[in-house]
Amino acid sequence: EAVVSIQRAHSHIGDPPILRLTLKDVDGAVISQMNAWSPLWVFTND
């Protein structure tokens, strides 16, 4: 799913270099890039 939400996006400052999100405009120009956590990286506790 992809939706517009009435909330501010949180900062990605400090996110580790696991995934790189690249946002582009309609002409293919890069608007911004940011690191992000991967949903595959999880903490377990046994």
ModelCIF file with pLDDT and N, C-alpha, C, O atoms, coordinates in Angstrom:
data_MODEL
#
_entry.id   MODEL 
#
_entity.id                         1 
_entity.type                       polymer 
_entity.pdbx_number_of_molecules   1 
#
_entity_poly.entity_id                      1 
_entity_poly.type                           'polypeptide(L)' 
_entity_poly.nstd_linkage                   no 
_entity_poly.nstd_monomer                   no 
_entity_poly.pdbx_seq_one_letter_code       EAVVSIQRAHSHIGDPPILRLTLKDVDGAVISQMNAWSPLWVFTND 
_entity_poly.pdbx_seq_one_letter_code_can   EAVVSIQRAHSHIGDPPILRLTLKDVDGAVISQMNAWSPLWVFTND 
_entity_poly.pdbx_strand_id                 A 
#
loop_
_entity_poly_seq.entity_id 
_entity_poly_seq.num 
_entity_poly_seq.mon_id 
_entity_poly_seq.hetero 
1 1  GLU n 
1 2  ALA n 
1 3  VAL n 
1 4  VAL n 
1 5  SER n 
1 6  ILE n 
1 7  GLN n 
1 8  ARG n 
1 9  ALA n 
1 10 HIS n 
1 11 SER n 
1 12 HIS n 
1 13 ILE n 
1 14 GLY n 
1 15 ASP n 
1 16 PRO n 
1 17 PRO n 
1 18 ILE n 
1 19 LEU n 
1 20 ARG n 
1 21 LEU n 
1 22 THR n 
1 23 LEU n 
1 24 LYS n 
1 25 ASP n 
1 26 VAL n 
1 27 ASP n 
1 28 GLY n 
1 29 ALA n 
1 30 VAL n 
1 31 ILE n 
1 32 SER n 
1 33 GLN n 
1 34 MET n 
1 35 ASN n 
1 36 ALA n 
1 37 TRP n 
1 38 SER n 
1 39 PRO n 
1 40 LEU n 
1 41 TRP n 
1 42 VAL n 
1 43 PHE n 
1 44 THR n 
1 45 ASN n 
1 46 ASP n 
#
_struct_asym.id          A 
_struct_asym.entity_id   1 
#
loop_
_ma_qa_metric.id 
_ma_qa_metric.mode 
_ma_qa_metric.name 
_ma_qa_metric.software_group_id 
_ma_qa_metric.type 
1 global pLDDT . pLDDT 
2 local  pLDDT . pLDDT 
#
_ma_qa_metric_global.metric_id      1 
_ma_qa_metric_global.metric_value   88.09 
_ma_qa_metric_global.model_id       1 
_ma_qa_metric_global.ordinal_id     1 
#
loop_
_ma_qa_metric_local.label_asym_id 
_ma_qa_metric_local.label_comp_id 
_ma_qa_metric_local.label_seq_id 
_ma_qa_metric_local.metric_id 
_ma_qa_metric_local.metric_value 
_ma_qa_metric_local.model_id 
_ma_qa_metric_local.ordinal_id 
A GLU 1  2 96.00 1 1  
A ALA 2  2 96.00 1 2  
A VAL 3  2 96.00 1 3  
A VAL 4  2 95.00 1 4  
A SER 5  2 92.00 1 5  
A ILE 6  2 88.00 1 6  
A GLN 7  2 83.00 1 7  
A ARG 8  2 78.00 1 8  
A ALA 9  2 75.00 1 9  
A HIS 10 2 72.00 1 10 
A SER 11 2 74.00 1 11 
A HIS 12 2 73.00 1 12 
A ILE 13 2 75.00 1 13 
A GLY 14 2 76.00 1 14 
A ASP 15 2 83.00 1 15 
A PRO 16 2 87.00 1 16 
A PRO 17 2 91.00 1 17 
A ILE 18 2 93.00 1 18 
A LEU 19 2 95.00 1 19 
A ARG 20 2 95.00 1 20 
A LEU 21 2 96.00 1 21 
A THR 22 2 96.00 1 22 
A LEU 23 2 96.00 1 23 
A LYS 24 2 96.00 1 24 
A ASP 25 2 94.00 1 25 
A VAL 26 2 91.00 1 26 
A ASP 27 2 92.00 1 27 
A GLY 28 2 94.00 1 28 
A ALA 29 2 95.00 1 29 
A VAL 30 2 95.00 1 30 
A ILE 31 2 93.00 1 31 
A SER 32 2 91.00 1 32 
A GLN 33 2 93.00 1 33 
A MET 34 2 92.00 1 34 
A ASN 35 2 94.00 1 35 
A ALA 36 2 93.00 1 36 
A TRP 37 2 90.00 1 37 
A SER 38 2 93.00 1 38 
A PRO 39 2 92.00 1 39 
A LEU 40 2 92.00 1 40 
A TRP 41 2 88.00 1 41 
A VAL 42 2 84.00 1 42 
A PHE 43 2 78.00 1 43 
A THR 44 2 77.00 1 44 
A ASN 45 2 73.00 1 45 
A ASP 46 2 71.00 1 46 
#
loop_
_atom_site.group_PDB 
_atom_site.id 
_atom_site.type_symbol 
_atom_site.label_atom_id 
_atom_site.label_alt_id 
_atom_site.label_comp_id 
_atom_site.label_asym_id 
_atom_site.label_entity_id 
_atom_site.label_seq_id 
_atom_site.pdbx_PDB_ins_code 
_atom_site.Cartn_x 
_atom_site.Cartn_y 
_atom_site.Cartn_z 
_atom_site.occupancy 
_atom_site.B_iso_or_equiv 
_atom_site.pdbx_formal_charge 
_atom_site.auth_seq_id 
_atom_site.auth_comp_id 
_atom_site.auth_asym_id 
_atom_site.auth_atom_id 
_atom_site.pdbx_PDB_model_num 
ATOM 1   N N  . GLU A 1 1  ? 0.847  -1.187  0.000   1.00 96.00 ? 1  GLU A N  1 
ATOM 2   C CA . GLU A 1 1  ? 0.000  0.000   0.000   1.00 96.00 ? 1  GLU A CA 1 
ATOM 3   C C  . GLU A 1 1  ? 0.884  1.239   0.000   1.00 96.00 ? 1  GLU A C  1 
ATOM 4   O O  . GLU A 1 1  ? 1.971  1.241   0.577   1.00 96.00 ? 1  GLU A O  1 
ATOM 5   N N  . ALA A 1 2  ? 0.403  2.290   -0.654  1.00 96.00 ? 2  ALA A N  1 
ATOM 6   C CA . ALA A 1 2  ? 1.057  3.589   -0.615  1.00 96.00 ? 2  ALA A CA 1 
ATOM 7   C C  . ALA A 1 2  ? -0.026 4.642   -0.505  1.00 96.00 ? 2  ALA A C  1 
ATOM 8   O O  . ALA A 1 2  ? -0.893 4.735   -1.375  1.00 96.00 ? 2  ALA A O  1 
ATOM 9   N N  . VAL A 1 3  ? 0.013  5.435   0.551   1.00 96.00 ? 3  VAL A N  1 
ATOM 10  C CA . VAL A 1 3  ? -1.021 6.437   0.804   1.00 96.00 ? 3  VAL A CA 1 
ATOM 11  C C  . VAL A 1 3  ? -0.378 7.713   1.320   1.00 96.00 ? 3  VAL A C  1 
ATOM 12  O O  . VAL A 1 3  ? 0.728  7.704   1.860   1.00 96.00 ? 3  VAL A O  1 
ATOM 13  N N  . VAL A 1 4  ? -1.107 8.817   1.137   1.00 95.00 ? 4  VAL A N  1 
ATOM 14  C CA . VAL A 1 4  ? -0.704 10.085  1.750   1.00 95.00 ? 4  VAL A CA 1 
ATOM 15  C C  . VAL A 1 4  ? -1.344 10.158  3.122   1.00 95.00 ? 4  VAL A C  1 
ATOM 16  O O  . VAL A 1 4  ? -2.541 9.913   3.279   1.00 95.00 ? 4  VAL A O  1 
ATOM 17  N N  . SER A 1 5  ? -0.534 10.498  4.113   1.00 92.00 ? 5  SER A N  1 
ATOM 18  C CA . SER A 1 5  ? -0.998 10.556  5.498   1.00 92.00 ? 5  SER A CA 1 
ATOM 19  C C  . SER A 1 5  ? -0.863 11.980  6.027   1.00 92.00 ? 5  SER A C  1 
ATOM 20  O O  . SER A 1 5  ? 0.115  12.672  5.745   1.00 92.00 ? 5  SER A O  1 
ATOM 21  N N  . ILE A 1 6  ? -1.857 12.401  6.795   1.00 88.00 ? 6  ILE A N  1 
ATOM 22  C CA . ILE A 1 6  ? -1.805 13.734  7.406   1.00 88.00 ? 6  ILE A CA 1 
ATOM 23  C C  . ILE A 1 6  ? -0.961 13.646  8.667   1.00 88.00 ? 6  ILE A C  1 
ATOM 24  O O  . ILE A 1 6  ? -1.477 13.723  9.782   1.00 88.00 ? 6  ILE A O  1 
ATOM 25  N N  . GLN A 1 7  ? 0.305  13.487  8.482   1.00 83.00 ? 7  GLN A N  1 
ATOM 26  C CA . GLN A 1 7  ? 1.268  13.506  9.578   1.00 83.00 ? 7  GLN A CA 1 
ATOM 27  C C  . GLN A 1 7  ? 2.619  13.846  8.995   1.00 83.00 ? 7  GLN A C  1 
ATOM 28  O O  . GLN A 1 7  ? 2.880  13.614  7.814   1.00 83.00 ? 7  GLN A O  1 
ATOM 29  N N  . ARG A 1 8  ? 3.459  14.388  9.818   1.00 78.00 ? 8  ARG A N  1 
ATOM 30  C CA . ARG A 1 8  ? 4.790  14.734  9.341   1.00 78.00 ? 8  ARG A CA 1 
ATOM 31  C C  . ARG A 1 8  ? 5.659  13.487  9.316   1.00 78.00 ? 8  ARG A C  1 
ATOM 32  O O  . ARG A 1 8  ? 5.584  12.630  10.197  1.00 78.00 ? 8  ARG A O  1 
ATOM 33  N N  . ALA A 1 9  ? 6.490  13.412  8.276   1.00 75.00 ? 9  ALA A N  1 
ATOM 34  C CA . ALA A 1 9  ? 7.440  12.303  8.203   1.00 75.00 ? 9  ALA A CA 1 
ATOM 35  C C  . ALA A 1 9  ? 8.527  12.507  9.245   1.00 75.00 ? 9  ALA A C  1 
ATOM 36  O O  . ALA A 1 9  ? 9.045  13.611  9.410   1.00 75.00 ? 9  ALA A O  1 
ATOM 37  N N  . HIS A 1 10 ? 8.870  11.425  9.951   1.00 72.00 ? 10 HIS A N  1 
ATOM 38  C CA . HIS A 1 10 ? 9.928  11.541  10.950  1.00 72.00 ? 10 HIS A CA 1 
ATOM 39  C C  . HIS A 1 10 ? 11.282 11.676  10.264  1.00 72.00 ? 10 HIS A C  1 
ATOM 40  O O  . HIS A 1 10 ? 11.437 11.355  9.085   1.00 72.00 ? 10 HIS A O  1 
ATOM 41  N N  . SER A 1 11 ? 12.242 12.152  11.018  1.00 74.00 ? 11 SER A N  1 
ATOM 42  C CA . SER A 1 11 ? 13.585 12.315  10.477  1.00 74.00 ? 11 SER A CA 1 
ATOM 43  C C  . SER A 1 11 ? 14.261 10.949  10.305  1.00 74.00 ? 11 SER A C  1 
ATOM 44  O O  . SER A 1 11 ? 14.053 10.032  11.099  1.00 74.00 ? 11 SER A O  1 
ATOM 45  N N  . HIS A 1 12 ? 15.069 10.838  9.257   1.00 73.00 ? 12 HIS A N  1 
ATOM 46  C CA . HIS A 1 12 ? 15.868 9.633   9.045   1.00 73.00 ? 12 HIS A CA 1 
ATOM 47  C C  . HIS A 1 12 ? 17.319 9.846   9.461   1.00 73.00 ? 12 HIS A C  1 
ATOM 48  O O  . HIS A 1 12 ? 18.185 9.008   9.209   1.00 73.00 ? 12 HIS A O  1 
ATOM 49  N N  . ILE A 1 13 ? 17.566 10.995  10.107  1.00 75.00 ? 13 ILE A N  1 
ATOM 50  C CA . ILE A 1 13 ? 18.921 11.246  10.599  1.00 75.00 ? 13 ILE A CA 1 
ATOM 51  C C  . ILE A 1 13 ? 19.274 10.189  11.639  1.00 75.00 ? 13 ILE A C  1 
ATOM 52  O O  . ILE A 1 13 ? 18.504 9.942   12.568  1.00 75.00 ? 13 ILE A O  1 
ATOM 53  N N  . GLY A 1 14 ? 20.403 9.586   11.486  1.00 76.00 ? 14 GLY A N  1 
ATOM 54  C CA . GLY A 1 14 ? 20.832 8.559   12.430  1.00 76.00 ? 14 GLY A CA 1 
ATOM 55  C C  . GLY A 1 14 ? 20.472 7.154   12.011  1.00 76.00 ? 14 GLY A C  1 
ATOM 56  O O  . GLY A 1 14 ? 20.953 6.194   12.614  1.00 76.00 ? 14 GLY A O  1 
ATOM 57  N N  . ASP A 1 15 ? 19.623 7.000   10.973  1.00 83.00 ? 15 ASP A N  1 
ATOM 58  C CA . ASP A 1 15 ? 19.313 5.646   10.502  1.00 83.00 ? 15 ASP A CA 1 
ATOM 59  C C  . ASP A 1 15 ? 20.570 5.024   9.894   1.00 83.00 ? 15 ASP A C  1 
ATOM 60  O O  . ASP A 1 15 ? 21.305 5.707   9.180   1.00 83.00 ? 15 ASP A O  1 
ATOM 61  N N  . PRO A 1 16 ? 20.825 3.773   10.157  1.00 87.00 ? 16 PRO A N  1 
ATOM 62  C CA . PRO A 1 16 ? 22.050 3.134   9.641   1.00 87.00 ? 16 PRO A CA 1 
ATOM 63  C C  . PRO A 1 16 ? 21.939 2.859   8.148   1.00 87.00 ? 16 PRO A C  1 
ATOM 64  O O  . PRO A 1 16 ? 20.831 2.766   7.620   1.00 87.00 ? 16 PRO A O  1 
ATOM 65  N N  . PRO A 1 17 ? 23.055 2.728   7.467   1.00 91.00 ? 17 PRO A N  1 
ATOM 66  C CA . PRO A 1 17 ? 23.047 2.494   6.013   1.00 91.00 ? 17 PRO A CA 1 
ATOM 67  C C  . PRO A 1 17 ? 22.707 1.050   5.656   1.00 91.00 ? 17 PRO A C  1 
ATOM 68  O O  . PRO A 1 17 ? 23.556 0.292   5.188   1.00 91.00 ? 17 PRO A O  1 
ATOM 69  N N  . ILE A 1 18 ? 21.434 0.686   5.888   1.00 93.00 ? 18 ILE A N  1 
ATOM 70  C CA . ILE A 1 18 ? 20.962 -0.651  5.525   1.00 93.00 ? 18 ILE A CA 1 
ATOM 71  C C  . ILE A 1 18 ? 20.231 -0.570  4.188   1.00 93.00 ? 18 ILE A C  1 
ATOM 72  O O  . ILE A 1 18 ? 20.583 -1.257  3.229   1.00 93.00 ? 18 ILE A O  1 
ATOM 73  N N  . LEU A 1 19 ? 19.216 0.277   4.143   1.00 95.00 ? 19 LEU A N  1 
ATOM 74  C CA . LEU A 1 19 ? 18.505 0.557   2.904   1.00 95.00 ? 19 LEU A CA 1 
ATOM 75  C C  . LEU A 1 19 ? 18.693 2.024   2.546   1.00 95.00 ? 19 LEU A C  1 
ATOM 76  O O  . LEU A 1 19 ? 18.835 2.878   3.421   1.00 95.00 ? 19 LEU A O  1 
ATOM 77  N N  . ARG A 1 20 ? 18.692 2.302   1.251   1.00 95.00 ? 20 ARG A N  1 
ATOM 78  C CA . ARG A 1 20 ? 18.765 3.679   0.775   1.00 95.00 ? 20 ARG A CA 1 
ATOM 79  C C  . ARG A 1 20 ? 17.469 3.991   0.034   1.00 95.00 ? 20 ARG A C  1 
ATOM 80  O O  . ARG A 1 20 ? 17.119 3.320   -0.938  1.00 95.00 ? 20 ARG A O  1 
ATOM 81  N N  . LEU A 1 21 ? 16.759 5.021   0.506   1.00 96.00 ? 21 LEU A N  1 
ATOM 82  C CA . LEU A 1 21 ? 15.540 5.483   -0.140  1.00 96.00 ? 21 LEU A CA 1 
ATOM 83  C C  . LEU A 1 21 ? 15.889 6.665   -1.037  1.00 96.00 ? 21 LEU A C  1 
ATOM 84  O O  . LEU A 1 21 ? 16.459 7.653   -0.573  1.00 96.00 ? 21 LEU A O  1 
ATOM 85  N N  . THR A 1 22 ? 15.549 6.567   -2.320  1.00 96.00 ? 22 THR A N  1 
ATOM 86  C CA . THR A 1 22 ? 15.796 7.657   -3.261  1.00 96.00 ? 22 THR A CA 1 
ATOM 87  C C  . THR A 1 22 ? 14.466 8.136   -3.796  1.00 96.00 ? 22 THR A C  1 
ATOM 88  O O  . THR A 1 22 ? 13.716 7.370   -4.400  1.00 96.00 ? 22 THR A O  1 
ATOM 89  N N  . LEU A 1 23 ? 14.173 9.421   -3.571  1.00 96.00 ? 23 LEU A N  1 
ATOM 90  C CA . LEU A 1 23 ? 12.933 10.029  -4.029  1.00 96.00 ? 23 LEU A CA 1 
ATOM 91  C C  . LEU A 1 23 ? 13.233 10.870  -5.265  1.00 96.00 ? 23 LEU A C  1 
ATOM 92  O O  . LEU A 1 23 ? 14.119 11.724  -5.239  1.00 96.00 ? 23 LEU A O  1 
ATOM 93  N N  . LYS A 1 24 ? 12.487 10.624  -6.360  1.00 96.00 ? 24 LYS A N  1 
ATOM 94  C CA . LYS A 1 24 ? 12.706 11.342  -7.616  1.00 96.00 ? 24 LYS A CA 1 
ATOM 95  C C  . LYS A 1 24 ? 11.433 12.049  -8.060  1.00 96.00 ? 24 LYS A C  1 
ATOM 96  O O  . LYS A 1 24 ? 10.323 11.640  -7.719  1.00 96.00 ? 24 LYS A O  1 
ATOM 97  N N  . ASP A 1 25 ? 11.619 13.131  -8.835  1.00 94.00 ? 25 ASP A N  1 
ATOM 98  C CA . ASP A 1 25 ? 10.471 13.850  -9.373  1.00 94.00 ? 25 ASP A CA 1 
ATOM 99  C C  . ASP A 1 25 ? 10.080 13.291  -10.735 1.00 94.00 ? 25 ASP A C  1 
ATOM 100 O O  . ASP A 1 25 ? 10.645 12.297  -11.192 1.00 94.00 ? 25 ASP A O  1 
ATOM 101 N N  . VAL A 1 26 ? 9.113  13.930  -11.376 1.00 91.00 ? 26 VAL A N  1 
ATOM 102 C CA . VAL A 1 26 ? 8.565  13.400  -12.631 1.00 91.00 ? 26 VAL A CA 1 
ATOM 103 C C  . VAL A 1 26 ? 9.582  13.433  -13.771 1.00 91.00 ? 26 VAL A C  1 
ATOM 104 O O  . VAL A 1 26 ? 9.413  12.725  -14.764 1.00 91.00 ? 26 VAL A O  1 
ATOM 105 N N  . ASP A 1 27 ? 10.627 14.239  -13.646 1.00 92.00 ? 27 ASP A N  1 
ATOM 106 C CA . ASP A 1 27 ? 11.674 14.293  -14.664 1.00 92.00 ? 27 ASP A CA 1 
ATOM 107 C C  . ASP A 1 27 ? 12.834 13.353  -14.362 1.00 92.00 ? 27 ASP A C  1 
ATOM 108 O O  . ASP A 1 27 ? 13.821 13.316  -15.096 1.00 92.00 ? 27 ASP A O  1 
ATOM 109 N N  . GLY A 1 28 ? 12.707 12.590  -13.272 1.00 94.00 ? 28 GLY A N  1 
ATOM 110 C CA . GLY A 1 28 ? 13.763 11.652  -12.913 1.00 94.00 ? 28 GLY A CA 1 
ATOM 111 C C  . GLY A 1 28 ? 14.868 12.260  -12.090 1.00 94.00 ? 28 GLY A C  1 
ATOM 112 O O  . GLY A 1 28 ? 15.858 11.590  -11.797 1.00 94.00 ? 28 GLY A O  1 
ATOM 113 N N  . ALA A 1 29 ? 14.724 13.530  -11.705 1.00 95.00 ? 29 ALA A N  1 
ATOM 114 C CA . ALA A 1 29 ? 15.739 14.178  -10.870 1.00 95.00 ? 29 ALA A CA 1 
ATOM 115 C C  . ALA A 1 29 ? 15.558 13.763  -9.418  1.00 95.00 ? 29 ALA A C  1 
ATOM 116 O O  . ALA A 1 29 ? 14.432 13.606  -8.944  1.00 95.00 ? 29 ALA A O  1 
ATOM 117 N N  . VAL A 1 30 ? 16.673 13.587  -8.714  1.00 95.00 ? 30 VAL A N  1 
ATOM 118 C CA . VAL A 1 30 ? 16.632 13.168  -7.314  1.00 95.00 ? 30 VAL A CA 1 
ATOM 119 C C  . VAL A 1 30 ? 16.223 14.347  -6.439  1.00 95.00 ? 30 VAL A C  1 
ATOM 120 O O  . VAL A 1 30 ? 16.864 15.398  -6.457  1.00 95.00 ? 30 VAL A O  1 
ATOM 121 N N  . ILE A 1 31 ? 15.151 14.163  -5.674  1.00 93.00 ? 31 ILE A N  1 
ATOM 122 C CA . ILE A 1 31 ? 14.717 15.176  -4.713  1.00 93.00 ? 31 ILE A CA 1 
ATOM 123 C C  . ILE A 1 31 ? 15.467 15.012  -3.403  1.00 93.00 ? 31 ILE A C  1 
ATOM 124 O O  . ILE A 1 31 ? 15.954 15.988  -2.831  1.00 93.00 ? 31 ILE A O  1 
ATOM 125 N N  . SER A 1 32 ? 15.558 13.785  -2.933  1.00 91.00 ? 32 SER A N  1 
ATOM 126 C CA . SER A 1 32 ? 16.283 13.534  -1.687  1.00 91.00 ? 32 SER A CA 1 
ATOM 127 C C  . SER A 1 32 ? 16.626 12.055  -1.588  1.00 91.00 ? 32 SER A C  1 
ATOM 128 O O  . SER A 1 32 ? 16.020 11.207  -2.244  1.00 91.00 ? 32 SER A O  1 
ATOM 129 N N  . GLN A 1 33 ? 17.617 11.773  -0.747  1.00 93.00 ? 33 GLN A N  1 
ATOM 130 C CA . GLN A 1 33 ? 18.011 10.409  -0.436  1.00 93.00 ? 33 GLN A CA 1 
ATOM 131 C C  . GLN A 1 33 ? 18.179 10.289  1.067   1.00 93.00 ? 33 GLN A C  1 
ATOM 132 O O  . GLN A 1 33 ? 18.569 11.248  1.735   1.00 93.00 ? 33 GLN A O  1 
ATOM 133 N N  . MET A 1 34 ? 17.887 9.119   1.594   1.00 92.00 ? 34 MET A N  1 
ATOM 134 C CA . MET A 1 34 ? 17.993 8.906   3.038   1.00 92.00 ? 34 MET A CA 1 
ATOM 135 C C  . MET A 1 34 ? 18.197 7.424   3.315   1.00 92.00 ? 34 MET A C  1 
ATOM 136 O O  . MET A 1 34 ? 17.771 6.560   2.548   1.00 92.00 ? 34 MET A O  1 
ATOM 137 N N  . ASN A 1 35 ? 18.856 7.160   4.427   1.00 94.00 ? 35 ASN A N  1 
ATOM 138 C CA . ASN A 1 35 ? 19.004 5.776   4.878   1.00 94.00 ? 35 ASN A CA 1 
ATOM 139 C C  . ASN A 1 35 ? 17.746 5.341   5.619   1.00 94.00 ? 35 ASN A C  1 
ATOM 140 O O  . ASN A 1 35 ? 16.978 6.172   6.102   1.00 94.00 ? 35 ASN A O  1 
ATOM 141 N N  . ALA A 1 36 ? 17.548 4.046   5.703   1.00 93.00 ? 36 ALA A N  1 
ATOM 142 C CA . ALA A 1 36 ? 16.375 3.527   6.402   1.00 93.00 ? 36 ALA A CA 1 
ATOM 143 C C  . ALA A 1 36 ? 16.675 2.140   6.935   1.00 93.00 ? 36 ALA A C  1 
ATOM 144 O O  . ALA A 1 36 ? 17.512 1.411   6.402   1.00 93.00 ? 36 ALA A O  1 
ATOM 145 N N  . TRP A 1 37 ? 15.971 1.796   7.999   1.00 90.00 ? 37 TRP A N  1 
ATOM 146 C CA . TRP A 1 37 ? 16.046 0.443   8.533   1.00 90.00 ? 37 TRP A CA 1 
ATOM 147 C C  . TRP A 1 37 ? 15.323 -0.518  7.605   1.00 90.00 ? 37 TRP A C  1 
ATOM 148 O O  . TRP A 1 37 ? 14.398 -0.128  6.893   1.00 90.00 ? 37 TRP A O  1 
ATOM 149 N N  . SER A 1 38 ? 15.739 -1.749  7.614   1.00 93.00 ? 38 SER A N  1 
ATOM 150 C CA . SER A 1 38 ? 15.063 -2.788  6.861   1.00 93.00 ? 38 SER A CA 1 
ATOM 151 C C  . SER A 1 38 ? 14.126 -3.559  7.780   1.00 93.00 ? 38 SER A C  1 
ATOM 152 O O  . SER A 1 38 ? 14.495 -3.872  8.911   1.00 93.00 ? 38 SER A O  1 
ATOM 153 N N  . PRO A 1 39 ? 12.898 -3.875  7.305   1.00 92.00 ? 39 PRO A N  1 
ATOM 154 C CA . PRO A 1 39 ? 11.993 -4.687  8.117   1.00 92.00 ? 39 PRO A CA 1 
ATOM 155 C C  . PRO A 1 39 ? 12.552 -6.082  8.401   1.00 92.00 ? 39 PRO A C  1 
ATOM 156 O O  . PRO A 1 39 ? 12.049 -6.782  9.280   1.00 92.00 ? 39 PRO A O  1 
ATOM 157 N N  . LEU A 1 40 ? 13.579 -6.486  7.668   1.00 92.00 ? 40 LEU A N  1 
ATOM 158 C CA . LEU A 1 40 ? 14.170 -7.800  7.904   1.00 92.00 ? 40 LEU A CA 1 
ATOM 159 C C  . LEU A 1 40 ? 15.116 -7.798  9.097   1.00 92.00 ? 40 LEU A C  1 
ATOM 160 O O  . LEU A 1 40 ? 15.473 -8.860  9.606   1.00 92.00 ? 40 LEU A O  1 
ATOM 161 N N  . TRP A 1 41 ? 15.525 -6.616  9.546   1.00 88.00 ? 41 TRP A N  1 
ATOM 162 C CA . TRP A 1 41 ? 16.409 -6.517  10.709  1.00 88.00 ? 41 TRP A CA 1 
ATOM 163 C C  . TRP A 1 41 ? 15.538 -6.359  11.955  1.00 88.00 ? 41 TRP A C  1 
ATOM 164 O O  . TRP A 1 41 ? 14.898 -5.323  12.136  1.00 88.00 ? 41 TRP A O  1 
ATOM 165 N N  . VAL A 1 42 ? 15.510 -7.370  12.803  1.00 84.00 ? 42 VAL A N  1 
ATOM 166 C CA . VAL A 1 42 ? 14.654 -7.348  13.995  1.00 84.00 ? 42 VAL A CA 1 
ATOM 167 C C  . VAL A 1 42 ? 15.462 -7.787  15.220  1.00 84.00 ? 42 VAL A C  1 
ATOM 168 O O  . VAL A 1 42 ? 16.441 -8.526  15.118  1.00 84.00 ? 42 VAL A O  1 
ATOM 169 N N  . PHE A 1 43 ? 15.011 -7.303  16.378  1.00 78.00 ? 43 PHE A N  1 
ATOM 170 C CA . PHE A 1 43 ? 15.597 -7.735  17.648  1.00 78.00 ? 43 PHE A CA 1 
ATOM 171 C C  . PHE A 1 43 ? 14.820 -8.936  18.171  1.00 78.00 ? 43 PHE A C  1 
ATOM 172 O O  . PHE A 1 43 ? 13.589 -8.939  18.176  1.00 78.00 ? 43 PHE A O  1 
ATOM 173 N N  . THR A 1 44 ? 15.541 -9.941  18.605  1.00 77.00 ? 44 THR A N  1 
ATOM 174 C CA . THR A 1 44 ? 14.916 -11.111 19.235  1.00 77.00 ? 44 THR A CA 1 
ATOM 175 C C  . THR A 1 44 ? 15.469 -11.251 20.648  1.00 77.00 ? 44 THR A C  1 
ATOM 176 O O  . THR A 1 44 ? 16.544 -10.743 20.966  1.00 77.00 ? 44 THR A O  1 
ATOM 177 N N  . ASN A 1 45 ? 14.716 -11.944 21.478  1.00 73.00 ? 45 ASN A N  1 
ATOM 178 C CA . ASN A 1 45 ? 15.136 -12.099 22.866  1.00 73.00 ? 45 ASN A CA 1 
ATOM 179 C C  . ASN A 1 45 ? 14.729 -13.489 23.339  1.00 73.00 ? 45 ASN A C  1 
ATOM 180 O O  . ASN A 1 45 ? 13.565 -13.755 23.635  1.00 73.00 ? 45 ASN A O  1 
ATOM 181 N N  . ASP A 1 46 ? 15.725 -14.363 23.398  1.00 71.00 ? 46 ASP A N  1 
ATOM 182 C CA . ASP A 1 46 ? 15.485 -15.703 23.938  1.00 71.00 ? 46 ASP A CA 1 
ATOM 183 C C  . ASP A 1 46 ? 16.388 -15.927 25.145  1.00 71.00 ? 46 ASP A C  1 
ATOM 184 O O  . ASP A 1 46 ? 16.349 -16.995 25.756  1.00 71.00 ? 46 ASP A O  1 
#
